[in-house]
PDB file of N, CA and C in Angstrom:
ATOM      1  N   MET A   1       0.840  -1.175   0.000  1.00  0.00           N
ATOM      2  CA  MET A   1       0.000   0.000   0.000  1.00  0.00           C
ATOM      3  C   MET A   1       0.890   1.244   0.000  1.00  0.00           C
ATOM      4  N   ASN A   2       0.525   2.204  -0.814  1.00  0.00           N
ATOM      5  CA  ASN A   2       1.307   3.427  -0.952  1.00  0.00           C
ATOM      6  C   ASN A   2       0.777   4.491   0.007  1.00  0.00           C
ATOM      7  N   TYR A   3       1.608   4.896   0.941  1.00  0.00           N
ATOM      8  CA  TYR A   3       1.202   5.886   1.938  1.00  0.00           C
ATOM      9  C   TYR A   3       1.657   7.296   1.593  1.00  0.00           C
ATOM     10  N   ARG A   4       2.144   7.504   0.380  1.00  0.00           N
ATOM     11  CA  ARG A   4       2.653   8.817   0.009  1.00  0.00           C
ATOM     12  C   ARG A   4       1.529   9.850  -0.093  1.00  0.00           C
ATOM     13  N   LEU A   5       1.875  11.074   0.130  1.00  0.00           N
ATOM     14  CA  LEU A   5       0.947  12.188  -0.018  1.00  0.00           C
ATOM     15  C   LEU A   5       1.463  13.025  -1.185  1.00  0.00           C
ATOM     16  N   THR A   6       0.926  12.751  -2.372  1.00  0.00           N
ATOM     17  CA  THR A   6       1.427  13.378  -3.589  1.00  0.00           C
ATOM     18  C   THR A   6       0.730  14.714  -3.836  1.00  0.00           C
ATOM     19  N   LYS A   7       1.145  15.386  -4.892  1.00  0.00           N
ATOM     20  CA  LYS A   7       0.528  16.669  -5.233  1.00  0.00           C
ATOM     21  C   LYS A   7      -0.937  16.488  -5.620  1.00  0.00           C
ATOM     22  N   ASP A   8      -1.285  15.348  -6.222  1.00  0.00           N
ATOM     23  CA  ASP A   8      -2.680  15.088  -6.572  1.00  0.00           C
ATOM     24  C   ASP A   8      -3.561  14.937  -5.339  1.00  0.00           C
ATOM     25  N   ASP A   9      -2.963  14.604  -4.207  1.00  0.00           N
ATOM     26  CA  ASP A   9      -3.711  14.438  -2.960  1.00  0.00           C
ATOM     27  C   ASP A   9      -3.878  15.746  -2.193  1.00  0.00           C
ATOM     28  N   ARG A  10      -3.241  16.798  -2.663  1.00  0.00           N
ATOM     29  CA  ARG A  10      -3.329  18.086  -1.981  1.00  0.00           C
ATOM     30  C   ARG A  10      -4.293  19.004  -2.712  1.00  0.00           C
ATOM     31  N   LEU A  11      -5.076  19.710  -1.950  1.00  0.00           N
ATOM     32  CA  LEU A  11      -6.036  20.655  -2.506  1.00  0.00           C
ATOM     33  C   LEU A  11      -5.318  21.970  -2.762  1.00  0.00           C
ATOM     34  N   HIS A  12      -5.358  22.421  -4.016  1.00  0.00           N
ATOM     35  CA  HIS A  12      -4.730  23.680  -4.362  1.00  0.00           C
ATOM     36  C   HIS A  12      -5.548  24.343  -5.454  1.00  0.00           C
ATOM     37  N   GLY A  13      -5.377  25.607  -5.608  1.00  0.00           N
ATOM     38  CA  GLY A  13      -6.144  26.362  -6.588  1.00  0.00           C
ATOM     39  C   GLY A  13      -7.240  27.171  -5.927  1.00  0.00           C
ATOM     40  N   ARG A  14      -7.344  28.416  -6.346  1.00  0.00           N
ATOM     41  CA  ARG A  14      -8.286  29.339  -5.726  1.00  0.00           C
ATOM     42  C   ARG A  14      -9.737  28.901  -5.903  1.00  0.00           C
ATOM     43  N   THR A  15     -10.117  28.435  -7.088  1.00  0.00           N
ATOM     44  CA  THR A  15     -11.522  28.069  -7.324  1.00  0.00           C
ATOM     45  C   THR A  15     -11.913  26.849  -6.506  1.00  0.00           C
ATOM     46  N   ALA A  16     -11.038  25.867  -6.403  1.00  0.00           N
ATOM     47  CA  ALA A  16     -11.349  24.669  -5.619  1.00  0.00           C
ATOM     48  C   ALA A  16     -11.491  25.004  -4.140  1.00  0.00           C
ATOM     49  N   ILE A  17     -10.610  25.847  -3.626  1.00  0.00           N
ATOM     50  CA  ILE A  17     -10.664  26.202  -2.210  1.00  0.00           C
ATOM     51  C   ILE A  17     -11.877  27.077  -1.912  1.00  0.00           C
ATOM     52  N   ASN A  18     -12.192  28.020  -2.802  1.00  0.00           N
ATOM     53  CA  ASN A  18     -13.371  28.861  -2.594  1.00  0.00           C
ATOM     54  C   ASN A  18     -14.652  28.052  -2.638  1.00  0.00           C
ATOM     55  N   SER A  19     -14.765  27.093  -3.555  1.00  0.00           N
ATOM     56  CA  SER A  19     -15.977  26.269  -3.606  1.00  0.00           C
ATOM     57  C   SER A  19     -16.062  25.356  -2.393  1.00  0.00           C
ATOM     58  N   LEU A  20     -14.932  24.927  -1.874  1.00  0.00           N
ATOM     59  CA  LEU A  20     -14.949  24.104  -0.657  1.00  0.00           C
ATOM     60  C   LEU A  20     -15.541  24.886   0.505  1.00  0.00           C
ATOM     61  N   PHE A  21     -15.070  26.097   0.728  1.00  0.00           N
ATOM     62  CA  PHE A  21     -15.563  26.868   1.862  1.00  0.00           C
ATOM     63  C   PHE A  21     -16.971  27.423   1.624  1.00  0.00           C
ATOM     64  N   ALA A  22     -17.383  27.574   0.373  1.00  0.00           N
ATOM     65  CA  ALA A  22     -18.737  28.068   0.089  1.00  0.00           C
ATOM     66  C   ALA A  22     -19.776  26.962   0.218  1.00  0.00           C
ATOM     67  N   GLU A  23     -19.442  25.746  -0.203  1.00  0.00           N
ATOM     68  CA  GLU A  23     -20.429  24.660  -0.261  1.00  0.00           C
ATOM     69  C   GLU A  23     -20.198  23.554   0.753  1.00  0.00           C
ATOM     70  N   GLY A  24     -19.111  23.608   1.504  1.00  0.00           N
ATOM     71  CA  GLY A  24     -18.735  22.493   2.363  1.00  0.00           C
ATOM     72  C   GLY A  24     -19.478  22.445   3.679  1.00  0.00           C
ATOM     73  N   GLN A  25     -19.435  21.256   4.300  1.00  0.00           N
ATOM     74  CA  GLN A  25     -19.991  21.034   5.625  1.00  0.00           C
ATOM     75  C   GLN A  25     -18.857  21.091   6.636  1.00  0.00           C
ATOM     76  N   SER A  26     -19.167  21.545   7.831  1.00  0.00           N
ATOM     77  CA  SER A  26     -18.154  21.690   8.866  1.00  0.00           C
ATOM     78  C   SER A  26     -18.304  20.591   9.918  1.00  0.00           C
ATOM     79  N   LEU A  27     -17.187  19.990  10.297  1.00  0.00           N
ATOM     80  CA  LEU A  27     -17.146  18.980  11.359  1.00  0.00           C
ATOM     81  C   LEU A  27     -16.118  19.427  12.393  1.00  0.00           C
ATOM     82  N   MET A  28     -16.422  19.235  13.663  1.00  0.00           N
ATOM     83  CA  MET A  28     -15.524  19.676  14.731  1.00  0.00           C
ATOM     84  C   MET A  28     -15.007  18.490  15.539  1.00  0.00           C
ATOM     85  N   ALA A  29     -13.752  18.544  15.877  1.00  0.00           N
ATOM     86  CA  ALA A  29     -13.114  17.657  16.850  1.00  0.00           C
ATOM     87  C   ALA A  29     -11.978  18.492  17.438  1.00  0.00           C
ATOM     88  N   PHE A  30     -12.288  19.249  18.472  1.00  0.00           N
ATOM     89  CA  PHE A  30     -11.355  20.238  18.995  1.00  0.00           C
ATOM     90  C   PHE A  30     -10.024  19.593  19.334  1.00  0.00           C
ATOM     91  N   PRO A  31      -8.932  20.140  18.914  1.00  0.00           N
ATOM     92  CA  PRO A  31      -8.623  21.448  18.380  1.00  0.00           C
ATOM     93  C   PRO A  31      -8.667  21.541  16.858  1.00  0.00           C
ATOM     94  N   LEU A  32      -9.314  20.608  16.179  1.00  0.00           N
ATOM     95  CA  LEU A  32      -9.373  20.635  14.722  1.00  0.00           C
ATOM     96  C   LEU A  32     -10.800  20.850  14.241  1.00  0.00           C
ATOM     97  N   ARG A  33     -10.909  21.506  13.106  1.00  0.00           N
ATOM     98  CA  ARG A  33     -12.187  21.652  12.418  1.00  0.00           C
ATOM     99  C   ARG A  33     -11.952  21.254  10.968  1.00  0.00           C
ATOM    100  N   ALA A  34     -12.864  20.456  10.428  1.00  0.00           N
ATOM    101  CA  ALA A  34     -12.735  20.035   9.043  1.00  0.00           C
ATOM    102  C   ALA A  34     -13.905  20.591   8.248  1.00  0.00           C
ATOM    103  N   VAL A  35     -13.615  21.124   7.080  1.00  0.00           N
ATOM    104  CA  VAL A  35     -14.634  21.553   6.139  1.00  0.00           C
ATOM    105  C   VAL A  35     -14.561  20.564   4.983  1.00  0.00           C
ATOM    106  N   VAL A  36     -15.689  19.907   4.683  1.00  0.00           N
ATOM    107  CA  VAL A  36     -15.705  18.806   3.725  1.00  0.00           C
ATOM    108  C   VAL A  36     -16.697  19.104   2.618  1.00  0.00           C
ATOM    109  N   ARG A  37     -16.280  18.880   1.399  1.00  0.00           N
ATOM    110  CA  ARG A  37     -17.168  18.995   0.234  1.00  0.00           C
ATOM    111  C   ARG A  37     -17.086  17.696  -0.543  1.00  0.00           C
ATOM    112  N   LEU A  38     -18.223  17.015  -0.693  1.00  0.00           N
ATOM    113  CA  LEU A  38     -18.298  15.766  -1.443  1.00  0.00           C
ATOM    114  C   LEU A  38     -18.818  16.048  -2.840  1.00  0.00           C
ATOM    115  N   TYR A  39     -18.297  15.332  -3.825  1.00  0.00           N
ATOM    116  CA  TYR A  39     -18.740  15.504  -5.209  1.00  0.00           C
ATOM    117  C   TYR A  39     -18.609  14.176  -5.930  1.00  0.00           C
ATOM    118  N   THR A  40     -19.391  13.997  -6.984  1.00  0.00           N
ATOM    119  CA  THR A  40     -19.291  12.772  -7.779  1.00  0.00           C
ATOM    120  C   THR A  40     -18.081  12.875  -8.689  1.00  0.00           C
ATOM    121  N   SER A  41     -17.406  11.742  -8.834  1.00  0.00           N
ATOM    122  CA  SER A  41     -16.158  11.748  -9.584  1.00  0.00           C
ATOM    123  C   SER A  41     -15.939  10.400 -10.246  1.00  0.00           C
ATOM    124  N   ASP A  42     -15.292  10.421 -11.415  1.00  0.00           N
ATOM    125  CA  ASP A  42     -14.949   9.178 -12.096  1.00  0.00           C
ATOM    126  C   ASP A  42     -13.828   8.443 -11.362  1.00  0.00           C
ATOM    127  N   CYS A  43     -12.845   9.181 -10.896  1.00  0.00           N
ATOM    128  CA  CYS A  43     -11.775   8.574 -10.098  1.00  0.00           C
ATOM    129  C   CYS A  43     -11.876   9.130  -8.678  1.00  0.00           C
ATOM    130  N   PRO A  44     -12.494   8.372  -7.776  1.00  0.00           N
ATOM    131  CA  PRO A  44     -12.707   8.875  -6.417  1.00  0.00           C
ATOM    132  C   PRO A  44     -11.390   9.034  -5.667  1.00  0.00           C
ATOM    133  N   ARG A  45     -11.205  10.221  -5.117  1.00  0.00           N
ATOM    134  CA  ARG A  45     -10.022  10.497  -4.319  1.00  0.00           C
ATOM    135  C   ARG A  45     -10.344  11.609  -3.330  1.00  0.00           C
ATOM    136  N   ALA A  46      -9.496  11.724  -2.357  1.00  0.00           N
ATOM    137  CA  ALA A  46      -9.641  12.785  -1.364  1.00  0.00           C
ATOM    138  C   ALA A  46      -8.467  13.746  -1.525  1.00  0.00           C
ATOM    139  N   ARG A  47      -8.780  15.034  -1.595  1.00  0.00           N
ATOM    140  CA  ARG A  47      -7.759  16.072  -1.632  1.00  0.00           C
ATOM    141  C   ARG A  47      -7.869  16.853  -0.335  1.00  0.00           C
ATOM    142  N   MET A  48      -6.746  17.223   0.238  1.00  0.00           N
ATOM    143  CA  MET A  48      -6.779  17.892   1.542  1.00  0.00           C
ATOM    144  C   MET A  48      -5.836  19.081   1.581  1.00  0.00           C
ATOM    145  N   MET A  49      -6.140  19.967   2.509  1.00  0.00           N
ATOM    146  CA  MET A  49      -5.257  21.085   2.823  1.00  0.00           C
ATOM    147  C   MET A  49      -5.296  21.314   4.324  1.00  0.00           C
ATOM    148  N   VAL A  50      -4.249  21.902   4.853  1.00  0.00           N
ATOM    149  CA  VAL A  50      -4.147  22.184   6.284  1.00  0.00           C
ATOM    150  C   VAL A  50      -3.920  23.675   6.461  1.00  0.00           C
ATOM    151  N   SER A  51      -4.606  24.257   7.438  1.00  0.00           N
ATOM    152  CA  SER A  51      -4.432  25.667   7.740  1.00  0.00           C
ATOM    153  C   SER A  51      -4.251  25.846   9.241  1.00  0.00           C
ATOM    154  N   VAL A  52      -3.178  26.539   9.596  1.00  0.00           N
ATOM    155  CA  VAL A  52      -2.925  26.915  10.983  1.00  0.00           C
ATOM    156  C   VAL A  52      -2.805  28.432  10.997  1.00  0.00           C
ATOM    157  N   PRO A  53      -3.816  29.146  11.505  1.00  0.00           N
ATOM    158  CA  PRO A  53      -3.807  30.604  11.409  1.00  0.00           C
ATOM    159  C   PRO A  53      -2.740  31.255  12.279  1.00  0.00           C
ATOM    160  N   LYS A  54      -2.184  32.325  11.748  1.00  0.00           N
ATOM    161  CA  LYS A  54      -1.172  33.096  12.457  1.00  0.00           C
ATOM    162  C   LYS A  54      -1.763  33.770  13.691  1.00  0.00           C
ATOM    163  N   LYS A  55      -3.055  34.034  13.652  1.00  0.00           N
ATOM    164  CA  LYS A  55      -3.718  34.661  14.790  1.00  0.00           C
ATOM    165  C   LYS A  55      -3.699  33.743  16.015  1.00  0.00           C
ATOM    166  N   ARG A  56      -3.758  32.430  15.782  1.00  0.00           N
ATOM    167  CA  ARG A  56      -3.780  31.470  16.895  1.00  0.00           C
ATOM    168  C   ARG A  56      -2.375  31.086  17.347  1.00  0.00           C
ATOM    169  N   VAL A  57      -1.528  30.717  16.402  1.00  0.00           N
ATOM    170  CA  VAL A  57      -0.169  30.279  16.714  1.00  0.00           C
ATOM    171  C   VAL A  57       0.773  31.310  16.102  1.00  0.00           C
ATOM    172  N   ARG A  58       1.353  32.152  16.934  1.00  0.00           N
ATOM    173  CA  ARG A  58       2.103  33.304  16.448  1.00  0.00           C
ATOM    174  C   ARG A  58       3.445  32.934  15.813  1.00  0.00           C
ATOM    175  N   ARG A  59       4.124  31.956  16.342  1.00  0.00           N
ATOM    176  CA  ARG A  59       5.457  31.616  15.852  1.00  0.00           C
ATOM    177  C   ARG A  59       5.378  30.666  14.659  1.00  0.00           C
ATOM    178  N   ALA A  60       6.186  30.968  13.644  1.00  0.00           N
ATOM    179  CA  ALA A  60       6.184  30.151  12.430  1.00  0.00           C
ATOM    180  C   ALA A  60       6.609  28.721  12.711  1.00  0.00           C
ATOM    181  N   VAL A  61       7.495  28.524  13.657  1.00  0.00           N
ATOM    182  CA  VAL A  61       7.955  27.181  13.994  1.00  0.00           C
ATOM    183  C   VAL A  61       6.789  26.328  14.479  1.00  0.00           C
ATOM    184  N   GLY A  62       5.930  26.901  15.302  1.00  0.00           N
ATOM    185  CA  GLY A  62       4.766  26.177  15.799  1.00  0.00           C
ATOM    186  C   GLY A  62       3.764  25.880  14.706  1.00  0.00           C
ATOM    187  N   ARG A  63       3.551  26.835  13.811  1.00  0.00           N
ATOM    188  CA  ARG A  63       2.611  26.610  12.703  1.00  0.00           C
ATOM    189  C   ARG A  63       3.092  25.504  11.781  1.00  0.00           C
ATOM    190  N   VAL A  64       4.375  25.523  11.463  1.00  0.00           N
ATOM    191  CA  VAL A  64       4.931  24.489  10.589  1.00  0.00           C
ATOM    192  C   VAL A  64       4.855  23.126  11.263  1.00  0.00           C
ATOM    193  N   ARG A  65       5.160  23.070  12.546  1.00  0.00           N
ATOM    194  CA  ARG A  65       5.086  21.795  13.275  1.00  0.00           C
ATOM    195  C   ARG A  65       3.671  21.237  13.272  1.00  0.00           C
ATOM    196  N   LEU A  66       2.679  22.086  13.511  1.00  0.00           N
ATOM    197  CA  LEU A  66       1.293  21.616  13.531  1.00  0.00           C
ATOM    198  C   LEU A  66       0.841  21.155  12.152  1.00  0.00           C
ATOM    199  N   ARG A  67       1.239  21.858  11.108  1.00  0.00           N
ATOM    200  CA  ARG A  67       0.904  21.409   9.750  1.00  0.00           C
ATOM    201  C   ARG A  67       1.510  20.045   9.470  1.00  0.00           C
ATOM    202  N   ARG A  68       2.752  19.846   9.882  1.00  0.00           N
ATOM    203  CA  ARG A  68       3.402  18.545   9.677  1.00  0.00           C
ATOM    204  C   ARG A  68       2.703  17.438  10.461  1.00  0.00           C
ATOM    205  N   LEU A  69       2.313  17.730  11.697  1.00  0.00           N
ATOM    206  CA  LEU A  69       1.622  16.724  12.511  1.00  0.00           C
ATOM    207  C   LEU A  69       0.296  16.322  11.880  1.00  0.00           C
ATOM    208  N   VAL A  70      -0.476  17.300  11.417  1.00  0.00           N
ATOM    209  CA  VAL A  70      -1.774  17.010  10.815  1.00  0.00           C
ATOM    210  C   VAL A  70      -1.600  16.228   9.514  1.00  0.00           C
ATOM    211  N   ARG A  71      -0.651  16.641   8.677  1.00  0.00           N
ATOM    212  CA  ARG A  71      -0.417  15.926   7.416  1.00  0.00           C
ATOM    213  C   ARG A  71       0.033  14.492   7.655  1.00  0.00           C
ATOM    214  N   GLU A  72       0.882  14.283   8.644  1.00  0.00           N
ATOM    215  CA  GLU A  72       1.361  12.933   8.944  1.00  0.00           C
ATOM    216  C   GLU A  72       0.227  12.053   9.453  1.00  0.00           C
ATOM    217  N   ALA A  73      -0.598  12.574  10.348  1.00  0.00           N
ATOM    218  CA  ALA A  73      -1.736  11.800  10.852  1.00  0.00           C
ATOM    219  C   ALA A  73      -2.707  11.476   9.724  1.00  0.00           C
ATOM    220  N   TYR A  74      -2.960  12.430   8.848  1.00  0.00           N
ATOM    221  CA  TYR A  74      -3.845  12.199   7.697  1.00  0.00           C
ATOM    222  C   TYR A  74      -3.258  11.150   6.758  1.00  0.00           C
ATOM    223  N   ARG A  75      -1.969  11.261   6.482  1.00  0.00           N
ATOM    224  CA  ARG A  75      -1.303  10.349   5.556  1.00  0.00           C
ATOM    225  C   ARG A  75      -1.375   8.909   6.041  1.00  0.00           C
ATOM    226  N   LEU A  76      -1.249   8.703   7.346  1.00  0.00           N
ATOM    227  CA  LEU A  76      -1.229   7.344   7.882  1.00  0.00           C
ATOM    228  C   LEU A  76      -2.611   6.721   8.028  1.00  0.00           C
ATOM    229  N   CYS A  77      -3.654   7.508   8.201  1.00  0.00           N
ATOM    230  CA  CYS A  77      -4.960   6.897   8.462  1.00  0.00           C
ATOM    231  C   CYS A  77      -5.963   7.060   7.326  1.00  0.00           C
ATOM    232  N   ARG A  78      -5.633   7.759   6.254  1.00  0.00           N
ATOM    233  CA  ARG A  78      -6.633   7.964   5.209  1.00  0.00           C
ATOM    234  C   ARG A  78      -6.929   6.681   4.442  1.00  0.00           C
ATOM    235  N   HIS A  79      -5.940   5.811   4.240  1.00  0.00           N
ATOM    236  CA  HIS A  79      -6.181   4.576   3.501  1.00  0.00           C
ATOM    237  C   HIS A  79      -7.142   3.676   4.268  1.00  0.00           C
ATOM    238  N   ARG A  80      -6.953   3.624   5.562  1.00  0.00           N
ATOM    239  CA  ARG A  80      -7.765   2.750   6.392  1.00  0.00           C
ATOM    240  C   ARG A  80      -9.202   3.261   6.530  1.00  0.00           C
ATOM    241  N   LEU A  81      -9.380   4.558   6.604  1.00  0.00           N
ATOM    242  CA  LEU A  81     -10.693   5.104   6.922  1.00  0.00           C
ATOM    243  C   LEU A  81     -11.447   5.694   5.738  1.00  0.00           C
ATOM    244  N   LEU A  82     -10.746   6.247   4.766  1.00  0.00           N
ATOM    245  CA  LEU A  82     -11.415   7.086   3.779  1.00  0.00           C
ATOM    246  C   LEU A  82     -11.425   6.521   2.367  1.00  0.00           C
ATOM    247  N   ASP A  83     -10.312   5.954   1.910  1.00  0.00           N
ATOM    248  CA  ASP A  83     -10.200   5.578   0.506  1.00  0.00           C
ATOM    249  C   ASP A  83     -11.208   4.517   0.084  1.00  0.00           C
ATOM    250  N   ASP A  84     -11.421   3.487   0.904  1.00  0.00           N
ATOM    251  CA  ASP A  84     -12.381   2.435   0.550  1.00  0.00           C
ATOM    252  C   ASP A  84     -13.807   2.973   0.505  1.00  0.00           C
ATOM    253  N   ALA A  85     -14.143   3.858   1.433  1.00  0.00           N
ATOM    254  CA  ALA A  85     -15.492   4.439   1.455  1.00  0.00           C
ATOM    255  C   ALA A  85     -15.731   5.305   0.220  1.00  0.00           C
ATOM    256  N   LEU A  86     -14.731   6.077  -0.195  1.00  0.00           N
ATOM    257  CA  LEU A  86     -14.872   6.915  -1.385  1.00  0.00           C
ATOM    258  C   LEU A  86     -14.996   6.063  -2.647  1.00  0.00           C
ATOM    259  N   ALA A  87     -14.203   5.014  -2.742  1.00  0.00           N
ATOM    260  CA  ALA A  87     -14.270   4.140  -3.913  1.00  0.00           C
ATOM    261  C   ALA A  87     -15.606   3.423  -3.982  1.00  0.00           C
ATOM    262  N   GLY A  88     -16.141   3.003  -2.855  1.00  0.00           N
ATOM    263  CA  GLY A  88     -17.434   2.334  -2.831  1.00  0.00           C
ATOM    264  C   GLY A  88     -18.579   3.251  -3.209  1.00  0.00           C
ATOM    265  N   ALA A  89     -18.491   4.509  -2.839  1.00  0.00           N
ATOM    266  CA  ALA A  89     -19.557   5.464  -3.134  1.00  0.00           C
ATOM    267  C   ALA A  89     -19.368   6.135  -4.492  1.00  0.00           C
ATOM    268  N   GLY A  90     -18.186   6.036  -5.065  1.00  0.00           N
ATOM    269  CA  GLY A  90     -17.915   6.694  -6.341  1.00  0.00           C
ATOM    270  C   GLY A  90     -17.896   8.201  -6.225  1.00  0.00           C
ATOM    271  N   LYS A  91     -17.419   8.695  -5.094  1.00  0.00           N
ATOM    272  CA  LYS A  91     -17.383  10.131  -4.850  1.00  0.00           C
ATOM    273  C   LYS A  91     -15.966  10.573  -4.533  1.00  0.00           C
ATOM    274  N   GLY A  92     -15.731  11.851  -4.701  1.00  0.00           N
ATOM    275  CA  GLY A  92     -14.489  12.470  -4.288  1.00  0.00           C
ATOM    276  C   GLY A  92     -14.764  13.417  -3.137  1.00  0.00           C
ATOM    277  N   ALA A  93     -13.722  13.778  -2.432  1.00  0.00           N
ATOM    278  CA  ALA A  93     -13.891  14.669  -1.288  1.00  0.00           C
ATOM    279  C   ALA A  93     -12.755  15.683  -1.255  1.00  0.00           C
ATOM    280  N   ASP A  94     -13.127  16.929  -1.000  1.00  0.00           N
ATOM    281  CA  ASP A  94     -12.159  17.977  -0.717  1.00  0.00           C
ATOM    282  C   ASP A  94     -12.268  18.265   0.781  1.00  0.00           C
ATOM    283  N   ILE A  95     -11.132  18.259   1.466  1.00  0.00           N
ATOM    284  CA  ILE A  95     -11.124  18.411   2.916  1.00  0.00           C
ATOM    285  C   ILE A  95     -10.130  19.505   3.297  1.00  0.00           C
ATOM    286  N   ALA A  96     -10.583  20.451   4.087  1.00  0.00           N
ATOM    287  CA  ALA A  96      -9.698  21.459   4.678  1.00  0.00           C
ATOM    288  C   ALA A  96      -9.697  21.228   6.183  1.00  0.00           C
ATOM    289  N   ILE A  97      -8.524  21.041   6.754  1.00  0.00           N
ATOM    290  CA  ILE A  97      -8.397  20.835   8.192  1.00  0.00           C
ATOM    291  C   ILE A  97      -7.790  22.103   8.782  1.00  0.00           C
ATOM    292  N   LEU A  98      -8.536  22.708   9.706  1.00  0.00           N
ATOM    293  CA  LEU A  98      -8.114  23.963  10.324  1.00  0.00           C
ATOM    294  C   LEU A  98      -7.798  23.716  11.792  1.00  0.00           C
ATOM    295  N   TYR A  99      -6.707  24.284  12.253  1.00  0.00           N
ATOM    296  CA  TYR A  99      -6.309  24.159  13.648  1.00  0.00           C
ATOM    297  C   TYR A  99      -6.863  25.366  14.409  1.00  0.00           C
ATOM    298  N   LEU A 100      -7.536  25.126  15.531  1.00  0.00           N
ATOM    299  CA  LEU A 100      -8.254  26.192  16.229  1.00  0.00           C
ATOM    300  C   LEU A 100      -7.642  26.637  17.548  1.00  0.00           C
ATOM    301  N   ASP A 101      -6.801  25.834  18.159  1.00  0.00           N
ATOM    302  CA  ASP A 101      -6.292  26.138  19.492  1.00  0.00           C
ATOM    303  C   ASP A 101      -5.033  26.996  19.413  1.00  0.00           C
ATOM    304  N   SER A 102      -4.737  27.713  20.486  1.00  0.00           N
ATOM    305  CA  SER A 102      -3.522  28.517  20.507  1.00  0.00           C
ATOM    306  C   SER A 102      -2.337  27.747  21.089  1.00  0.00           C
ATOM    307  N   ASP A 103      -2.599  26.618  21.737  1.00  0.00           N
ATOM    308  CA  ASP A 103      -1.531  25.772  22.269  1.00  0.00           C
ATOM    309  C   ASP A 103      -1.163  24.706  21.243  1.00  0.00           C
ATOM    310  N   ILE A 104       0.102  24.333  21.219  1.00  0.00           N
ATOM    311  CA  ILE A 104       0.563  23.313  20.281  1.00  0.00           C
ATOM    312  C   ILE A 104       0.274  21.938  20.885  1.00  0.00           C
ATOM    313  N   ALA A 105      -0.531  21.143  20.192  1.00  0.00           N
ATOM    314  CA  ALA A 105      -0.918  19.827  20.676  1.00  0.00           C
ATOM    315  C   ALA A 105       0.148  18.793  20.339  1.00  0.00           C
ATOM    316  N   THR A 106       0.100  17.660  21.033  1.00  0.00           N
ATOM    317  CA  THR A 106       1.022  16.569  20.756  1.00  0.00           C
ATOM    318  C   THR A 106       0.512  15.748  19.580  1.00  0.00           C
ATOM    319  N   TYR A 107       1.383  14.891  19.066  1.00  0.00           N
ATOM    320  CA  TYR A 107       1.004  14.065  17.919  1.00  0.00           C
ATOM    321  C   TYR A 107      -0.132  13.114  18.278  1.00  0.00           C
ATOM    322  N   ASP A 108      -0.147  12.581  19.487  1.00  0.00           N
ATOM    323  CA  ASP A 108      -1.203  11.645  19.891  1.00  0.00           C
ATOM    324  C   ASP A 108      -2.575  12.300  19.836  1.00  0.00           C
ATOM    325  N   VAL A 109      -2.673  13.522  20.309  1.00  0.00           N
ATOM    326  CA  VAL A 109      -3.946  14.245  20.284  1.00  0.00           C
ATOM    327  C   VAL A 109      -4.366  14.536  18.848  1.00  0.00           C
ATOM    328  N   VAL A 110      -3.428  15.035  18.049  1.00  0.00           N
ATOM    329  CA  VAL A 110      -3.737  15.378  16.658  1.00  0.00           C
ATOM    330  C   VAL A 110      -4.145  14.138  15.877  1.00  0.00           C
ATOM    331  N   SER A 111      -3.432  13.037  16.079  1.00  0.00           N
ATOM    332  CA  SER A 111      -3.742  11.796  15.364  1.00  0.00           C
ATOM    333  C   SER A 111      -5.131  11.279  15.718  1.00  0.00           C
ATOM    334  N   ALA A 112      -5.474  11.295  16.995  1.00  0.00           N
ATOM    335  CA  ALA A 112      -6.797  10.828  17.415  1.00  0.00           C
ATOM    336  C   ALA A 112      -7.902  11.703  16.821  1.00  0.00           C
ATOM    337  N   LYS A 113      -7.696  13.001  16.783  1.00  0.00           N
ATOM    338  CA  LYS A 113      -8.716  13.907  16.249  1.00  0.00           C
ATOM    339  C   LYS A 113      -8.845  13.785  14.729  1.00  0.00           C
ATOM    340  N   VAL A 114      -7.729  13.586  14.031  1.00  0.00           N
ATOM    341  CA  VAL A 114      -7.795  13.398  12.583  1.00  0.00           C
ATOM    342  C   VAL A 114      -8.522  12.097  12.256  1.00  0.00           C
ATOM    343  N   GLU A 115      -8.243  11.028  13.004  1.00  0.00           N
ATOM    344  CA  GLU A 115      -8.961   9.766  12.801  1.00  0.00           C
ATOM    345  C   GLU A 115     -10.450   9.945  13.045  1.00  0.00           C
ATOM    346  N   ASN A 116     -10.810  10.682  14.087  1.00  0.00           N
ATOM    347  CA  ASN A 116     -12.213  10.959  14.384  1.00  0.00           C
ATOM    348  C   ASN A 116     -12.875  11.690  13.220  1.00  0.00           C
ATOM    349  N   LEU A 117     -12.218  12.715  12.708  1.00  0.00           N
ATOM    350  CA  LEU A 117     -12.789  13.487  11.601  1.00  0.00           C
ATOM    351  C   LEU A 117     -12.932  12.646  10.334  1.00  0.00           C
ATOM    352  N   LEU A 118     -11.916  11.846  10.009  1.00  0.00           N
ATOM    353  CA  LEU A 118     -11.984  11.045   8.782  1.00  0.00           C
ATOM    354  C   LEU A 118     -13.036   9.954   8.884  1.00  0.00           C
ATOM    355  N   SER A 119     -13.233   9.381  10.051  1.00  0.00           N
ATOM    356  CA  SER A 119     -14.299   8.382  10.199  1.00  0.00           C
ATOM    357  C   SER A 119     -15.678   9.049  10.054  1.00  0.00           C
ATOM    358  N   ARG A 120     -15.803  10.284  10.522  1.00  0.00           N
ATOM    359  CA  ARG A 120     -17.077  10.996  10.355  1.00  0.00           C
ATOM    360  C   ARG A 120     -17.307  11.403   8.898  1.00  0.00           C
ATOM    361  N   VAL A 121     -16.231  11.726   8.175  1.00  0.00           N
ATOM    362  CA  VAL A 121     -16.350  12.016   6.752  1.00  0.00           C
ATOM    363  C   VAL A 121     -16.791  10.767   5.993  1.00  0.00           C
ATOM    364  N   ALA A 122     -16.209   9.613   6.348  1.00  0.00           N
ATOM    365  CA  ALA A 122     -16.605   8.355   5.701  1.00  0.00           C
ATOM    366  C   ALA A 122     -18.055   8.018   5.991  1.00  0.00           C
ATOM    367  N   ALA A 123     -18.542   8.406   7.171  1.00  0.00           N
ATOM    368  CA  ALA A 123     -19.943   8.143   7.515  1.00  0.00           C
ATOM    369  C   ALA A 123     -20.896   9.033   6.707  1.00  0.00           C
ATOM    370  N   LEU A 124     -20.414  10.194   6.231  1.00  0.00           N
ATOM    371  CA  LEU A 124     -21.253  11.075   5.404  1.00  0.00           C
ATOM    372  C   LEU A 124     -21.565  10.452   4.052  1.00  0.00           C
ATOM    373  N   LEU A 125     -20.717   9.557   3.582  1.00  0.00           N
ATOM    374  CA  LEU A 125     -20.917   8.950   2.279  1.00  0.00           C
ATOM    375  C   LEU A 125     -22.058   8.008   2.373  1.00  0.00           C
TER     376      LEU A 125
END
């Protein structure tokens, strides 16, 4: 199984991100919030982005660390929780994960919350 997080797996582009935030549903698992947009697709896949606002975490080192933690947790659990559900439903998903707390969380907390969010996204299908 390939656990890589390639460029095709990342959400980029102004129109895609704007439509995600305009049409998406919000899910909470503090300190994370996920905005999810489901769509029908010929090749079902999940694209994701991570945002850690400067207003919450002032130091760039902390923001970069939190982005890395969220991406790593997503990379390790998306195959188990999300890919099979998307393939079965024939849908694609755009996911934005936003960090809401001002304190830097540990990897265990971030991983548990990302798993919670992805299982709830799979339940939406």
